[in-house]
Amino acid sequence: MTSTVQPSSFSSSLEELTLPTQPDSEQLDNIKAQLDLVLLALEAIAGISSEAMLQAATDLNLESMISDRVSLWRLRQSSPLRKGQGGRKKLDVDEARALTLIICHLAKQYNELIRRAVALLEQMTEQNREPHQAALLGNYLDAFHNTYQERMEDGDTTPTESLTNLALKLLIDLLFYGSNHGVRRLWLTLLERSFGVSRRASLPANPTLGSS
């Protein structure tokens, strides 16, 4: 199911990932938390494994930043929402760009499944039925709840309804992230929630993307 991304496509995607300013530590914390949650949603809907994420990194020529399961785990464990202290406490901008590209690469691969799940959600909403009554959505919500509760610091205290709302919102977001302009959509979402940048704002053409 894996597709190879040509170098020209990779370069084009990188050019979209611009920044209004160099992020501070709080903004980077926000970005890495968001990226980890989106990856969690991908895992829950499509059963994506670490191996699939590493294969995506290979497809995108990102092995220098994400070379093995340990490096991937450390990047994800750096989220401030995570339990434990085993991960790195910082994630630099290039690594955030890499995870953004990986997410959109995988969301595009599983776009048909994600689209089917979102269509089911719309159908259940129109019928005033609970999403979990549909098998695909029920399995997704169970997987998301269980994984969130297992990995996140507030997993045992977050109300079930809040987790369900988060899971469904992320599912809808994934549909857009798997589109032709998904990389830019995800990046603008990260900026909007971390920098307060409007989606309609014109971002600088070529800002410096160095490490924090």
C-alpha atoms as a PDB file:
ATOM      1  CA  MET A   1       0.000   0.000   0.000  1.00  0.00           C
ATOM      2  CA  THR A   2       3.037   2.223   0.267  1.00  0.00           C
ATOM      3  CA  SER A   3       3.673   4.662  -2.567  1.00  0.00           C
ATOM      4  CA  THR A   4       6.975   6.290  -3.367  1.00  0.00           C
ATOM      5  CA  VAL A   5       7.110  10.083  -3.352  1.00  0.00           C
ATOM      6  CA  GLN A   6       9.312  11.513  -6.050  1.00  0.00           C
ATOM      7  CA  PRO A   7      12.035  14.011  -4.988  1.00  0.00           C
ATOM      8  CA  SER A   8      10.311  16.852  -6.831  1.00  0.00           C
ATOM      9  CA  SER A   9       7.119  16.321  -4.795  1.00  0.00           C
ATOM     10  CA  PHE A  10       9.139  16.221  -1.591  1.00  0.00           C
ATOM     11  CA  SER A  11      10.858  19.528  -2.379  1.00  0.00           C
ATOM     12  CA  SER A  12       7.553  21.151  -3.238  1.00  0.00           C
ATOM     13  CA  SER A  13       6.067  20.067   0.103  1.00  0.00           C
ATOM     14  CA  LEU A  14       9.010  21.408   2.067  1.00  0.00           C
ATOM     15  CA  GLU A  15       8.576  24.820   0.494  1.00  0.00           C
ATOM     16  CA  GLU A  16       5.077  25.043   1.960  1.00  0.00           C
ATOM     17  CA  LEU A  17       6.265  24.669   5.553  1.00  0.00           C
ATOM     18  CA  THR A  18       7.120  28.270   6.329  1.00  0.00           C
ATOM     19  CA  LEU A  19       7.103  30.046   9.704  1.00  0.00           C
ATOM     20  CA  PRO A  20       6.107  33.604  10.648  1.00  0.00           C
ATOM     21  CA  THR A  21       8.806  33.699  13.346  1.00  0.00           C
ATOM     22  CA  GLN A  22      11.180  31.305  15.093  1.00  0.00           C
ATOM     23  CA  PRO A  23       9.053  29.385  17.661  1.00  0.00           C
ATOM     24  CA  ASP A  24       9.755  29.597  21.370  1.00  0.00           C
ATOM     25  CA  SER A  25       9.712  26.538  23.628  1.00  0.00           C
ATOM     26  CA  GLU A  26       6.021  26.877  24.461  1.00  0.00           C
ATOM     27  CA  GLN A  27       5.053  27.075  20.816  1.00  0.00           C
ATOM     28  CA  LEU A  28       7.174  24.031  19.988  1.00  0.00           C
ATOM     29  CA  ASP A  29       5.544  22.137  22.861  1.00  0.00           C
ATOM     30  CA  ASN A  30       2.166  22.967  21.356  1.00  0.00           C
ATOM     31  CA  ILE A  31       3.260  21.814  17.890  1.00  0.00           C
ATOM     32  CA  LYS A  32       4.686  18.491  19.050  1.00  0.00           C
ATOM     33  CA  ALA A  33       1.600  17.774  21.178  1.00  0.00           C
ATOM     34  CA  GLN A  34      -0.658  18.375  18.177  1.00  0.00           C
ATOM     35  CA  LEU A  35       1.452  16.224  15.859  1.00  0.00           C
ATOM     36  CA  ASP A  36       1.467  13.330  18.318  1.00  0.00           C
ATOM     37  CA  LEU A  37      -2.333  13.480  18.670  1.00  0.00           C
ATOM     38  CA  VAL A  38      -2.819  13.396  14.898  1.00  0.00           C
ATOM     39  CA  LEU A  39      -0.504  10.375  14.676  1.00  0.00           C
ATOM     40  CA  LEU A  40      -2.513   8.730  17.463  1.00  0.00           C
ATOM     41  CA  ALA A  41      -5.692   9.231  15.428  1.00  0.00           C
ATOM     42  CA  LEU A  42      -4.009   7.674  12.382  1.00  0.00           C
ATOM     43  CA  GLU A  43      -2.968   4.689  14.462  1.00  0.00           C
ATOM     44  CA  ALA A  44      -6.510   4.280  15.777  1.00  0.00           C
ATOM     45  CA  ILE A  45      -8.354   4.492  12.437  1.00  0.00           C
ATOM     46  CA  ALA A  46      -5.905   2.561  10.246  1.00  0.00           C
ATOM     47  CA  GLY A  47      -3.904   0.437  12.686  1.00  0.00           C
ATOM     48  CA  ILE A  48      -0.723   2.139  11.495  1.00  0.00           C
ATOM     49  CA  SER A  49       2.399   0.765  13.151  1.00  0.00           C
ATOM     50  CA  SER A  50       5.800   2.260  13.866  1.00  0.00           C
ATOM     51  CA  GLU A  51       7.099   0.312  10.879  1.00  0.00           C
ATOM     52  CA  ALA A  52       4.608   2.056   8.585  1.00  0.00           C
ATOM     53  CA  MET A  53       5.715   5.448   9.912  1.00  0.00           C
ATOM     54  CA  LEU A  54       9.358   4.523   9.351  1.00  0.00           C
ATOM     55  CA  GLN A  55       8.540   3.354   5.824  1.00  0.00           C
ATOM     56  CA  ALA A  56       6.891   6.726   5.195  1.00  0.00           C
ATOM     57  CA  ALA A  57      10.079   8.421   6.408  1.00  0.00           C
ATOM     58  CA  THR A  58      12.040   6.318   3.910  1.00  0.00           C
ATOM     59  CA  ASP A  59       9.620   7.170   1.091  1.00  0.00           C
ATOM     60  CA  LEU A  60      10.093  10.862   1.889  1.00  0.00           C
ATOM     61  CA  ASN A  61      13.901  10.680   2.250  1.00  0.00           C
ATOM     62  CA  LEU A  62      13.680  11.568   5.946  1.00  0.00           C
ATOM     63  CA  GLU A  63      15.776   8.715   7.331  1.00  0.00           C
ATOM     64  CA  SER A  64      18.414  11.145   8.608  1.00  0.00           C
ATOM     65  CA  MET A  65      15.905  12.509  11.143  1.00  0.00           C
ATOM     66  CA  ILE A  66      13.759   9.437  11.799  1.00  0.00           C
ATOM     67  CA  SER A  67      15.948   6.391  11.234  1.00  0.00           C
ATOM     68  CA  ASP A  68      14.538   3.751  13.576  1.00  0.00           C
ATOM     69  CA  ARG A  69      11.881   2.926  16.167  1.00  0.00           C
ATOM     70  CA  VAL A  70      13.878   4.511  18.974  1.00  0.00           C
ATOM     71  CA  SER A  71      14.248   7.868  17.216  1.00  0.00           C
ATOM     72  CA  LEU A  72      10.546   7.847  16.335  1.00  0.00           C
ATOM     73  CA  TRP A  73       9.593   6.978  19.914  1.00  0.00           C
ATOM     74  CA  ARG A  74      11.749   9.791  21.273  1.00  0.00           C
ATOM     75  CA  LEU A  75      10.156  12.315  18.941  1.00  0.00           C
ATOM     76  CA  ARG A  76       6.661  11.284  19.959  1.00  0.00           C
ATOM     77  CA  GLN A  77       7.531  10.942  23.635  1.00  0.00           C
ATOM     78  CA  SER A  78       8.690  14.577  23.568  1.00  0.00           C
ATOM     79  CA  SER A  79       5.025  15.637  23.569  1.00  0.00           C
ATOM     80  CA  PRO A  80       4.224  17.418  26.855  1.00  0.00           C
ATOM     81  CA  LEU A  81       0.983  15.434  27.039  1.00  0.00           C
ATOM     82  CA  ARG A  82       2.807  12.109  27.327  1.00  0.00           C
ATOM     83  CA  LYS A  83       3.421  10.043  30.436  1.00  0.00           C
ATOM     84  CA  GLY A  84       6.981   9.407  31.519  1.00  0.00           C
ATOM     85  CA  GLN A  85      10.249  11.256  31.111  1.00  0.00           C
ATOM     86  CA  GLY A  86      12.031   8.955  28.664  1.00  0.00           C
ATOM     87  CA  GLY A  87      11.678  11.123  25.569  1.00  0.00           C
ATOM     88  CA  ARG A  88      13.582  14.193  24.551  1.00  0.00           C
ATOM     89  CA  LYS A  89      12.315  17.465  25.964  1.00  0.00           C
ATOM     90  CA  LYS A  90      12.613  19.348  22.687  1.00  0.00           C
ATOM     91  CA  LEU A  91      11.705  18.862  19.074  1.00  0.00           C
ATOM     92  CA  ASP A  92      13.278  21.114  16.479  1.00  0.00           C
ATOM     93  CA  VAL A  93      11.547  22.712  13.526  1.00  0.00           C
ATOM     94  CA  ASP A  94      12.973  20.348  10.924  1.00  0.00           C
ATOM     95  CA  GLU A  95      11.679  17.374  12.912  1.00  0.00           C
ATOM     96  CA  ALA A  96       8.246  19.020  13.138  1.00  0.00           C
ATOM     97  CA  ARG A  97       8.291  19.459   9.361  1.00  0.00           C
ATOM     98  CA  ALA A  98       9.294  15.806   8.952  1.00  0.00           C
ATOM     99  CA  LEU A  99       6.415  14.560  11.114  1.00  0.00           C
ATOM    100  CA  THR A 100       4.022  16.832   9.199  1.00  0.00           C
ATOM    101  CA  LEU A 101       5.104  15.290   5.897  1.00  0.00           C
ATOM    102  CA  ILE A 102       4.842  11.752   7.307  1.00  0.00           C
ATOM    103  CA  ILE A 103       1.337  12.363   8.650  1.00  0.00           C
ATOM    104  CA  CYS A 104       0.065  13.680   5.323  1.00  0.00           C
ATOM    105  CA  HIS A 105       1.798  10.895   3.388  1.00  0.00           C
ATOM    106  CA  LEU A 106       0.030   8.279   5.532  1.00  0.00           C
ATOM    107  CA  ALA A 107      -3.306  10.126   5.556  1.00  0.00           C
ATOM    108  CA  LYS A 108      -3.219  10.112   1.751  1.00  0.00           C
ATOM    109  CA  GLN A 109      -2.478   6.379   1.678  1.00  0.00           C
ATOM    110  CA  TYR A 110      -5.479   5.687   3.912  1.00  0.00           C
ATOM    111  CA  ASN A 111      -7.702   8.420   2.491  1.00  0.00           C
ATOM    112  CA  GLU A 112     -10.362   5.993   1.269  1.00  0.00           C
ATOM    113  CA  LEU A 113     -10.754   4.447   4.735  1.00  0.00           C
ATOM    114  CA  ILE A 114     -10.783   7.849   6.429  1.00  0.00           C
ATOM    115  CA  ARG A 115     -13.325   9.160   3.913  1.00  0.00           C
ATOM    116  CA  ARG A 116     -15.569   6.168   4.584  1.00  0.00           C
ATOM    117  CA  ALA A 117     -15.363   6.778   8.344  1.00  0.00           C
ATOM    118  CA  VAL A 118     -16.229  10.473   7.971  1.00  0.00           C
ATOM    119  CA  ALA A 119     -19.165   9.617   5.686  1.00  0.00           C
ATOM    120  CA  LEU A 120     -20.397   7.192   8.338  1.00  0.00           C
ATOM    121  CA  LEU A 121     -20.085   9.915  10.968  1.00  0.00           C
ATOM    122  CA  GLU A 122     -22.204  12.256   8.845  1.00  0.00           C
ATOM    123  CA  GLN A 123     -24.772   9.507   8.346  1.00  0.00           C
ATOM    124  CA  MET A 124     -24.969   8.700  12.055  1.00  0.00           C
ATOM    125  CA  THR A 125     -25.323  12.391  12.893  1.00  0.00           C
ATOM    126  CA  GLU A 126     -28.163  12.828  10.395  1.00  0.00           C
ATOM    127  CA  GLN A 127     -29.919   9.816  11.939  1.00  0.00           C
ATOM    128  CA  ASN A 128     -29.365  11.110  15.503  1.00  0.00           C
ATOM    129  CA  ARG A 129     -27.460   7.952  16.360  1.00  0.00           C
ATOM    130  CA  GLU A 130     -24.301   7.615  18.424  1.00  0.00           C
ATOM    131  CA  PRO A 131     -21.137   7.235  16.308  1.00  0.00           C
ATOM    132  CA  HIS A 132     -20.002   4.112  18.151  1.00  0.00           C
ATOM    133  CA  GLN A 133     -23.071   2.279  16.841  1.00  0.00           C
ATOM    134  CA  ALA A 134     -21.300   2.041  13.485  1.00  0.00           C
ATOM    135  CA  ALA A 135     -18.666  -0.713  13.640  1.00  0.00           C
ATOM    136  CA  LEU A 136     -15.889   1.250  11.926  1.00  0.00           C
ATOM    137  CA  LEU A 137     -16.386   4.302  14.138  1.00  0.00           C
ATOM    138  CA  GLY A 138     -16.858   2.189  17.251  1.00  0.00           C
ATOM    139  CA  ASN A 139     -13.562   0.396  16.671  1.00  0.00           C
ATOM    140  CA  TYR A 140     -11.827   3.708  15.988  1.00  0.00           C
ATOM    141  CA  LEU A 141     -13.176   5.337  19.146  1.00  0.00           C
ATOM    142  CA  ASP A 142     -12.280   2.328  21.301  1.00  0.00           C
ATOM    143  CA  ALA A 143      -8.729   2.288  19.922  1.00  0.00           C
ATOM    144  CA  PHE A 144      -8.325   6.038  20.363  1.00  0.00           C
ATOM    145  CA  HIS A 145      -9.678   6.021  23.928  1.00  0.00           C
ATOM    146  CA  ASN A 146      -7.540   3.066  24.983  1.00  0.00           C
ATOM    147  CA  THR A 147      -4.342   4.439  23.453  1.00  0.00           C
ATOM    148  CA  TYR A 148      -4.893   7.931  24.822  1.00  0.00           C
ATOM    149  CA  GLN A 149      -5.558   6.621  28.308  1.00  0.00           C
ATOM    150  CA  GLU A 150      -2.482   4.396  28.135  1.00  0.00           C
ATOM    151  CA  ARG A 151      -0.055   7.049  26.888  1.00  0.00           C
ATOM    152  CA  MET A 152      -1.215  10.470  28.071  1.00  0.00           C
ATOM    153  CA  GLU A 153      -0.685  12.056  31.467  1.00  0.00           C
ATOM    154  CA  ASP A 154      -4.335  13.064  31.792  1.00  0.00           C
ATOM    155  CA  GLY A 155      -5.620   9.863  30.208  1.00  0.00           C
ATOM    156  CA  ASP A 156      -7.262   8.586  33.386  1.00  0.00           C
ATOM    157  CA  THR A 157      -8.949  11.883  34.237  1.00  0.00           C
ATOM    158  CA  THR A 158     -10.201  13.149  30.859  1.00  0.00           C
ATOM    159  CA  PRO A 159     -13.968  12.546  30.499  1.00  0.00           C
ATOM    160  CA  THR A 160     -14.986   9.962  27.909  1.00  0.00           C
ATOM    161  CA  GLU A 161     -17.129  12.523  26.082  1.00  0.00           C
ATOM    162  CA  SER A 162     -14.162  14.880  25.726  1.00  0.00           C
ATOM    163  CA  LEU A 163     -12.011  12.073  24.300  1.00  0.00           C
ATOM    164  CA  THR A 164     -14.767  11.138  21.862  1.00  0.00           C
ATOM    165  CA  ASN A 165     -15.097  14.731  20.669  1.00  0.00           C
ATOM    166  CA  LEU A 166     -11.324  14.994  20.230  1.00  0.00           C
ATOM    167  CA  ALA A 167     -11.159  11.703  18.331  1.00  0.00           C
ATOM    168  CA  LEU A 168     -13.951  12.687  15.944  1.00  0.00           C
ATOM    169  CA  LYS A 169     -12.454  16.116  15.311  1.00  0.00           C
ATOM    170  CA  LEU A 170      -9.075  14.556  14.515  1.00  0.00           C
ATOM    171  CA  LEU A 171     -10.766  12.052  12.184  1.00  0.00           C
ATOM    172  CA  ILE A 172     -12.329  14.883  10.174  1.00  0.00           C
ATOM    173  CA  ASP A 173      -9.004  16.731  10.144  1.00  0.00           C
ATOM    174  CA  LEU A 174      -7.287  13.626   8.744  1.00  0.00           C
ATOM    175  CA  LEU A 175      -9.598  13.698   5.738  1.00  0.00           C
ATOM    176  CA  PHE A 176      -8.243  17.135   4.828  1.00  0.00           C
ATOM    177  CA  TYR A 177      -4.635  16.233   5.635  1.00  0.00           C
ATOM    178  CA  GLY A 178      -4.823  13.432   3.072  1.00  0.00           C
ATOM    179  CA  SER A 179      -5.914  15.797   0.294  1.00  0.00           C
ATOM    180  CA  ASN A 180      -3.690  17.312  -2.389  1.00  0.00           C
ATOM    181  CA  HIS A 181      -3.037  20.353  -0.200  1.00  0.00           C
ATOM    182  CA  GLY A 182      -2.949  18.400   3.038  1.00  0.00           C
ATOM    183  CA  VAL A 183       0.609  19.347   3.984  1.00  0.00           C
ATOM    184  CA  ARG A 184      -0.193  23.045   3.938  1.00  0.00           C
ATOM    185  CA  ARG A 185      -3.511  22.483   5.735  1.00  0.00           C
ATOM    186  CA  LEU A 186      -1.818  20.665   8.606  1.00  0.00           C
ATOM    187  CA  TRP A 187       1.039  23.154   8.826  1.00  0.00           C
ATOM    188  CA  LEU A 188      -1.367  26.112   8.938  1.00  0.00           C
ATOM    189  CA  THR A 189      -3.369  24.355  11.655  1.00  0.00           C
ATOM    190  CA  LEU A 190      -0.196  23.963  13.723  1.00  0.00           C
ATOM    191  CA  LEU A 191       0.652  27.637  13.227  1.00  0.00           C
ATOM    192  CA  GLU A 192      -2.867  28.800  13.982  1.00  0.00           C
ATOM    193  CA  ARG A 193      -2.940  26.932  17.294  1.00  0.00           C
ATOM    194  CA  SER A 194       0.655  27.705  18.274  1.00  0.00           C
ATOM    195  CA  PHE A 195       1.310  31.207  16.917  1.00  0.00           C
ATOM    196  CA  GLY A 196      -2.224  32.539  16.584  1.00  0.00           C
ATOM    197  CA  VAL A 197      -1.685  32.854  12.826  1.00  0.00           C
ATOM    198  CA  SER A 198      -4.864  33.175  10.773  1.00  0.00           C
ATOM    199  CA  ARG A 199      -5.404  30.582   8.064  1.00  0.00           C
ATOM    200  CA  ARG A 200      -5.985  33.473   5.683  1.00  0.00           C
ATOM    201  CA  ALA A 201      -2.783  35.223   6.641  1.00  0.00           C
ATOM    202  CA  SER A 202      -0.046  35.529   4.043  1.00  0.00           C
ATOM    203  CA  LEU A 203       3.034  33.841   5.441  1.00  0.00           C
ATOM    204  CA  PRO A 204       6.574  34.936   4.568  1.00  0.00           C
ATOM    205  CA  ALA A 205       7.894  33.231   1.439  1.00  0.00           C
ATOM    206  CA  ASN A 206      11.203  31.896   2.724  1.00  0.00           C
ATOM    207  CA  PRO A 207      11.778  32.335   6.476  1.00  0.00           C
ATOM    208  CA  THR A 208      14.646  30.549   8.161  1.00  0.00           C
ATOM    209  CA  LEU A 209      13.725  27.122   9.509  1.00  0.00           C
ATOM    210  CA  GLY A 210      16.484  26.399  11.942  1.00  0.00           C
ATOM    211  CA  SER A 211      16.559  24.308  15.082  1.00  0.00           C
ATOM    212  CA  SER A 212      15.251  25.799  18.274  1.00  0.00           C
END
